[in-house]
């Protein structure tokens, strides 16, 4: 079993998934557009991403542009969290995701021993980047 985050965007999925591919040095395993869907789609939405999948390491991220009329509400109920074994790699990814976004908690060593930082990326998605603590 594997939990796979599915991100919805308002017309910026193509740009966002390319950004994440660059940040994580990933591979776009699949991408399709609304123009290929069997249902009626407004003309201005046909070139939008209907579904895509980004693979990086042992991880998968899926995303799409929301169907017309579906409102995307960015909230504070979910953060995407990634744990790294190496502080240097964690900080590198933190800085790449933060580029053009907003750091809400600097990447710093925490009282429990791990490094942790929080940010909102340029596409409004919230991230927590940390190092793993090994017993």
C-alpha atoms as a PDB file:
ATOM      1  CA  UNK A   1       0.000   0.000   0.000  1.00  0.00           C
ATOM      2  CA  UNK A   2       1.191   3.515  -0.761  1.00  0.00           C
ATOM      3  CA  UNK A   3      -0.333   6.896   0.076  1.00  0.00           C
ATOM      4  CA  UNK A   4      -0.118   9.225  -2.937  1.00  0.00           C
ATOM      5  CA  UNK A   5      -0.861  12.947  -2.586  1.00  0.00           C
ATOM      6  CA  UNK A   6      -3.098  14.310  -5.370  1.00  0.00           C
ATOM      7  CA  UNK A   7      -2.790  18.059  -5.912  1.00  0.00           C
ATOM      8  CA  UNK A   8      -5.413  20.171  -7.676  1.00  0.00           C
ATOM      9  CA  UNK A   9      -4.586  23.460  -9.379  1.00  0.00           C
ATOM     10  CA  UNK A  10      -6.523  26.239 -11.063  1.00  0.00           C
ATOM     11  CA  UNK A  11      -4.850  26.221 -14.468  1.00  0.00           C
ATOM     12  CA  UNK A  12      -1.248  26.003 -13.232  1.00  0.00           C
ATOM     13  CA  UNK A  13      -0.732  22.238 -13.056  1.00  0.00           C
ATOM     14  CA  UNK A  14       1.667  22.095 -16.019  1.00  0.00           C
ATOM     15  CA  UNK A  15       3.867  24.795 -14.495  1.00  0.00           C
ATOM     16  CA  UNK A  16       3.648  23.293 -11.003  1.00  0.00           C
ATOM     17  CA  UNK A  17       4.491  19.725 -12.022  1.00  0.00           C
ATOM     18  CA  UNK A  18       7.491  20.963 -14.023  1.00  0.00           C
ATOM     19  CA  UNK A  19       8.604  22.902 -10.935  1.00  0.00           C
ATOM     20  CA  UNK A  20       8.308  19.808  -8.714  1.00  0.00           C
ATOM     21  CA  UNK A  21      10.071  17.669 -11.353  1.00  0.00           C
ATOM     22  CA  UNK A  22      12.978  20.098 -11.267  1.00  0.00           C
ATOM     23  CA  UNK A  23      13.050  20.336  -7.457  1.00  0.00           C
ATOM     24  CA  UNK A  24      13.001  16.574  -6.903  1.00  0.00           C
ATOM     25  CA  UNK A  25      14.874  15.562 -10.084  1.00  0.00           C
ATOM     26  CA  UNK A  26      11.881  13.413 -10.939  1.00  0.00           C
ATOM     27  CA  UNK A  27      10.333  11.853 -14.014  1.00  0.00           C
ATOM     28  CA  UNK A  28       6.878  12.586 -15.364  1.00  0.00           C
ATOM     29  CA  UNK A  29       5.511   9.063 -15.724  1.00  0.00           C
ATOM     30  CA  UNK A  30       2.185  10.138 -17.224  1.00  0.00           C
ATOM     31  CA  UNK A  31       0.460  13.314 -18.371  1.00  0.00           C
ATOM     32  CA  UNK A  32      -2.809  13.760 -20.257  1.00  0.00           C
ATOM     33  CA  UNK A  33      -4.949  16.741 -21.160  1.00  0.00           C
ATOM     34  CA  UNK A  34      -8.669  17.479 -21.064  1.00  0.00           C
ATOM     35  CA  UNK A  35      -8.745  17.629 -24.876  1.00  0.00           C
ATOM     36  CA  UNK A  36      -8.386  13.820 -24.846  1.00  0.00           C
ATOM     37  CA  UNK A  37     -11.329  13.282 -22.488  1.00  0.00           C
ATOM     38  CA  UNK A  38     -14.601  11.821 -23.812  1.00  0.00           C
ATOM     39  CA  UNK A  39     -16.737  14.425 -22.003  1.00  0.00           C
ATOM     40  CA  UNK A  40     -17.494  17.953 -23.198  1.00  0.00           C
ATOM     41  CA  UNK A  41     -14.809  20.369 -22.066  1.00  0.00           C
ATOM     42  CA  UNK A  42     -14.831  24.141 -22.582  1.00  0.00           C
ATOM     43  CA  UNK A  43     -12.470  25.180 -25.367  1.00  0.00           C
ATOM     44  CA  UNK A  44     -10.282  27.256 -23.029  1.00  0.00           C
ATOM     45  CA  UNK A  45      -9.726  24.209 -20.788  1.00  0.00           C
ATOM     46  CA  UNK A  46      -8.756  21.620 -23.410  1.00  0.00           C
ATOM     47  CA  UNK A  47      -5.014  22.262 -23.030  1.00  0.00           C
ATOM     48  CA  UNK A  48      -5.164  21.985 -19.230  1.00  0.00           C
ATOM     49  CA  UNK A  49      -3.804  18.916 -17.431  1.00  0.00           C
ATOM     50  CA  UNK A  50      -6.492  16.318 -16.730  1.00  0.00           C
ATOM     51  CA  UNK A  51      -4.108  13.988 -14.856  1.00  0.00           C
ATOM     52  CA  UNK A  52      -0.372  13.587 -14.382  1.00  0.00           C
ATOM     53  CA  UNK A  53       2.010  11.543 -12.300  1.00  0.00           C
ATOM     54  CA  UNK A  54       5.482  12.534 -11.125  1.00  0.00           C
ATOM     55  CA  UNK A  55       7.799   9.844  -9.761  1.00  0.00           C
ATOM     56  CA  UNK A  56      10.926  10.641  -7.738  1.00  0.00           C
ATOM     57  CA  UNK A  57      12.865   8.229  -5.582  1.00  0.00           C
ATOM     58  CA  UNK A  58      10.287   5.924  -3.982  1.00  0.00           C
ATOM     59  CA  UNK A  59       7.676   8.706  -4.090  1.00  0.00           C
ATOM     60  CA  UNK A  60       4.774   9.580  -6.351  1.00  0.00           C
ATOM     61  CA  UNK A  61       2.892  12.847  -6.667  1.00  0.00           C
ATOM     62  CA  UNK A  62      -0.251  13.129  -8.805  1.00  0.00           C
ATOM     63  CA  UNK A  63      -1.913  16.330  -9.953  1.00  0.00           C
ATOM     64  CA  UNK A  64      -4.449  17.952 -12.260  1.00  0.00           C
ATOM     65  CA  UNK A  65      -6.074  21.219 -13.188  1.00  0.00           C
ATOM     66  CA  UNK A  66      -9.505  21.319 -11.578  1.00  0.00           C
ATOM     67  CA  UNK A  67     -12.457  20.947 -13.930  1.00  0.00           C
ATOM     68  CA  UNK A  68     -14.109  24.285 -14.802  1.00  0.00           C
ATOM     69  CA  UNK A  69     -16.447  25.415 -12.058  1.00  0.00           C
ATOM     70  CA  UNK A  70     -14.631  23.489  -9.319  1.00  0.00           C
ATOM     71  CA  UNK A  71     -13.286  25.979  -6.812  1.00  0.00           C
ATOM     72  CA  UNK A  72      -9.892  25.226  -5.271  1.00  0.00           C
ATOM     73  CA  UNK A  73      -9.634  26.380  -1.672  1.00  0.00           C
ATOM     74  CA  UNK A  74      -6.127  26.441  -0.256  1.00  0.00           C
ATOM     75  CA  UNK A  75      -6.332  25.784   3.450  1.00  0.00           C
ATOM     76  CA  UNK A  76      -4.311  24.950   6.485  1.00  0.00           C
ATOM     77  CA  UNK A  77      -5.583  21.406   6.938  1.00  0.00           C
ATOM     78  CA  UNK A  78      -2.863  19.551   5.016  1.00  0.00           C
ATOM     79  CA  UNK A  79       0.903  19.910   4.633  1.00  0.00           C
ATOM     80  CA  UNK A  80       3.044  17.759   2.372  1.00  0.00           C
ATOM     81  CA  UNK A  81       5.842  16.410   4.568  1.00  0.00           C
ATOM     82  CA  UNK A  82       9.100  14.847   3.421  1.00  0.00           C
ATOM     83  CA  UNK A  83      11.743  13.406   5.736  1.00  0.00           C
ATOM     84  CA  UNK A  84      15.380  13.108   4.684  1.00  0.00           C
ATOM     85  CA  UNK A  85      18.292  11.188   6.144  1.00  0.00           C
ATOM     86  CA  UNK A  86      20.731  14.000   5.300  1.00  0.00           C
ATOM     87  CA  UNK A  87      20.462  17.585   6.515  1.00  0.00           C
ATOM     88  CA  UNK A  88      22.239  18.917   3.411  1.00  0.00           C
ATOM     89  CA  UNK A  89      19.740  17.298   1.015  1.00  0.00           C
ATOM     90  CA  UNK A  90      16.775  18.403   3.147  1.00  0.00           C
ATOM     91  CA  UNK A  91      17.977  22.009   3.141  1.00  0.00           C
ATOM     92  CA  UNK A  92      18.612  21.893  -0.619  1.00  0.00           C
ATOM     93  CA  UNK A  93      15.045  20.726  -1.317  1.00  0.00           C
ATOM     94  CA  UNK A  94      13.643  23.226   1.212  1.00  0.00           C
ATOM     95  CA  UNK A  95      15.387  26.107  -0.587  1.00  0.00           C
ATOM     96  CA  UNK A  96      14.262  24.942  -4.032  1.00  0.00           C
ATOM     97  CA  UNK A  97      10.621  24.626  -2.943  1.00  0.00           C
ATOM     98  CA  UNK A  98      10.767  28.019  -1.213  1.00  0.00           C
ATOM     99  CA  UNK A  99      12.080  29.794  -4.330  1.00  0.00           C
ATOM    100  CA  UNK A 100       9.239  32.112  -5.328  1.00  0.00           C
ATOM    101  CA  UNK A 101       7.166  30.999  -2.347  1.00  0.00           C
ATOM    102  CA  UNK A 102       7.020  31.966   1.324  1.00  0.00           C
ATOM    103  CA  UNK A 103       9.016  30.510   4.208  1.00  0.00           C
ATOM    104  CA  UNK A 104       6.729  30.194   7.225  1.00  0.00           C
ATOM    105  CA  UNK A 105       9.322  28.546   9.489  1.00  0.00           C
ATOM    106  CA  UNK A 106      13.044  28.686   8.639  1.00  0.00           C
ATOM    107  CA  UNK A 107      14.902  25.401   8.190  1.00  0.00           C
ATOM    108  CA  UNK A 108      16.589  25.077  11.594  1.00  0.00           C
ATOM    109  CA  UNK A 109      17.643  22.491  14.152  1.00  0.00           C
ATOM    110  CA  UNK A 110      14.783  21.772  16.553  1.00  0.00           C
ATOM    111  CA  UNK A 111      14.867  21.036  20.284  1.00  0.00           C
ATOM    112  CA  UNK A 112      14.131  17.323  19.656  1.00  0.00           C
ATOM    113  CA  UNK A 113      17.233  16.981  17.463  1.00  0.00           C
ATOM    114  CA  UNK A 114      15.827  16.995  13.933  1.00  0.00           C
ATOM    115  CA  UNK A 115      16.010  19.807  11.399  1.00  0.00           C
ATOM    116  CA  UNK A 116      12.661  21.200  10.235  1.00  0.00           C
ATOM    117  CA  UNK A 117      11.374  24.004   8.047  1.00  0.00           C
ATOM    118  CA  UNK A 118       7.943  24.933   6.703  1.00  0.00           C
ATOM    119  CA  UNK A 119       6.999  26.848   3.581  1.00  0.00           C
ATOM    120  CA  UNK A 120       4.302  27.591   1.066  1.00  0.00           C
ATOM    121  CA  UNK A 121       5.538  27.020  -2.488  1.00  0.00           C
ATOM    122  CA  UNK A 122       4.825  29.361  -5.439  1.00  0.00           C
ATOM    123  CA  UNK A 123       1.646  27.371  -6.191  1.00  0.00           C
ATOM    124  CA  UNK A 124       0.126  27.735  -2.722  1.00  0.00           C
ATOM    125  CA  UNK A 125       0.966  24.213  -1.505  1.00  0.00           C
ATOM    126  CA  UNK A 126       2.285  23.872   2.052  1.00  0.00           C
ATOM    127  CA  UNK A 127       5.367  21.770   2.793  1.00  0.00           C
ATOM    128  CA  UNK A 128       7.208  20.521   5.878  1.00  0.00           C
ATOM    129  CA  UNK A 129      10.792  19.460   5.177  1.00  0.00           C
ATOM    130  CA  UNK A 130      12.646  17.649   7.942  1.00  0.00           C
ATOM    131  CA  UNK A 131      15.425  15.261   8.789  1.00  0.00           C
ATOM    132  CA  UNK A 132      14.647  11.874  10.236  1.00  0.00           C
ATOM    133  CA  UNK A 133      15.758  10.992  13.756  1.00  0.00           C
ATOM    134  CA  UNK A 134      17.318   7.554  14.051  1.00  0.00           C
ATOM    135  CA  UNK A 135      17.103   5.668  17.342  1.00  0.00           C
END
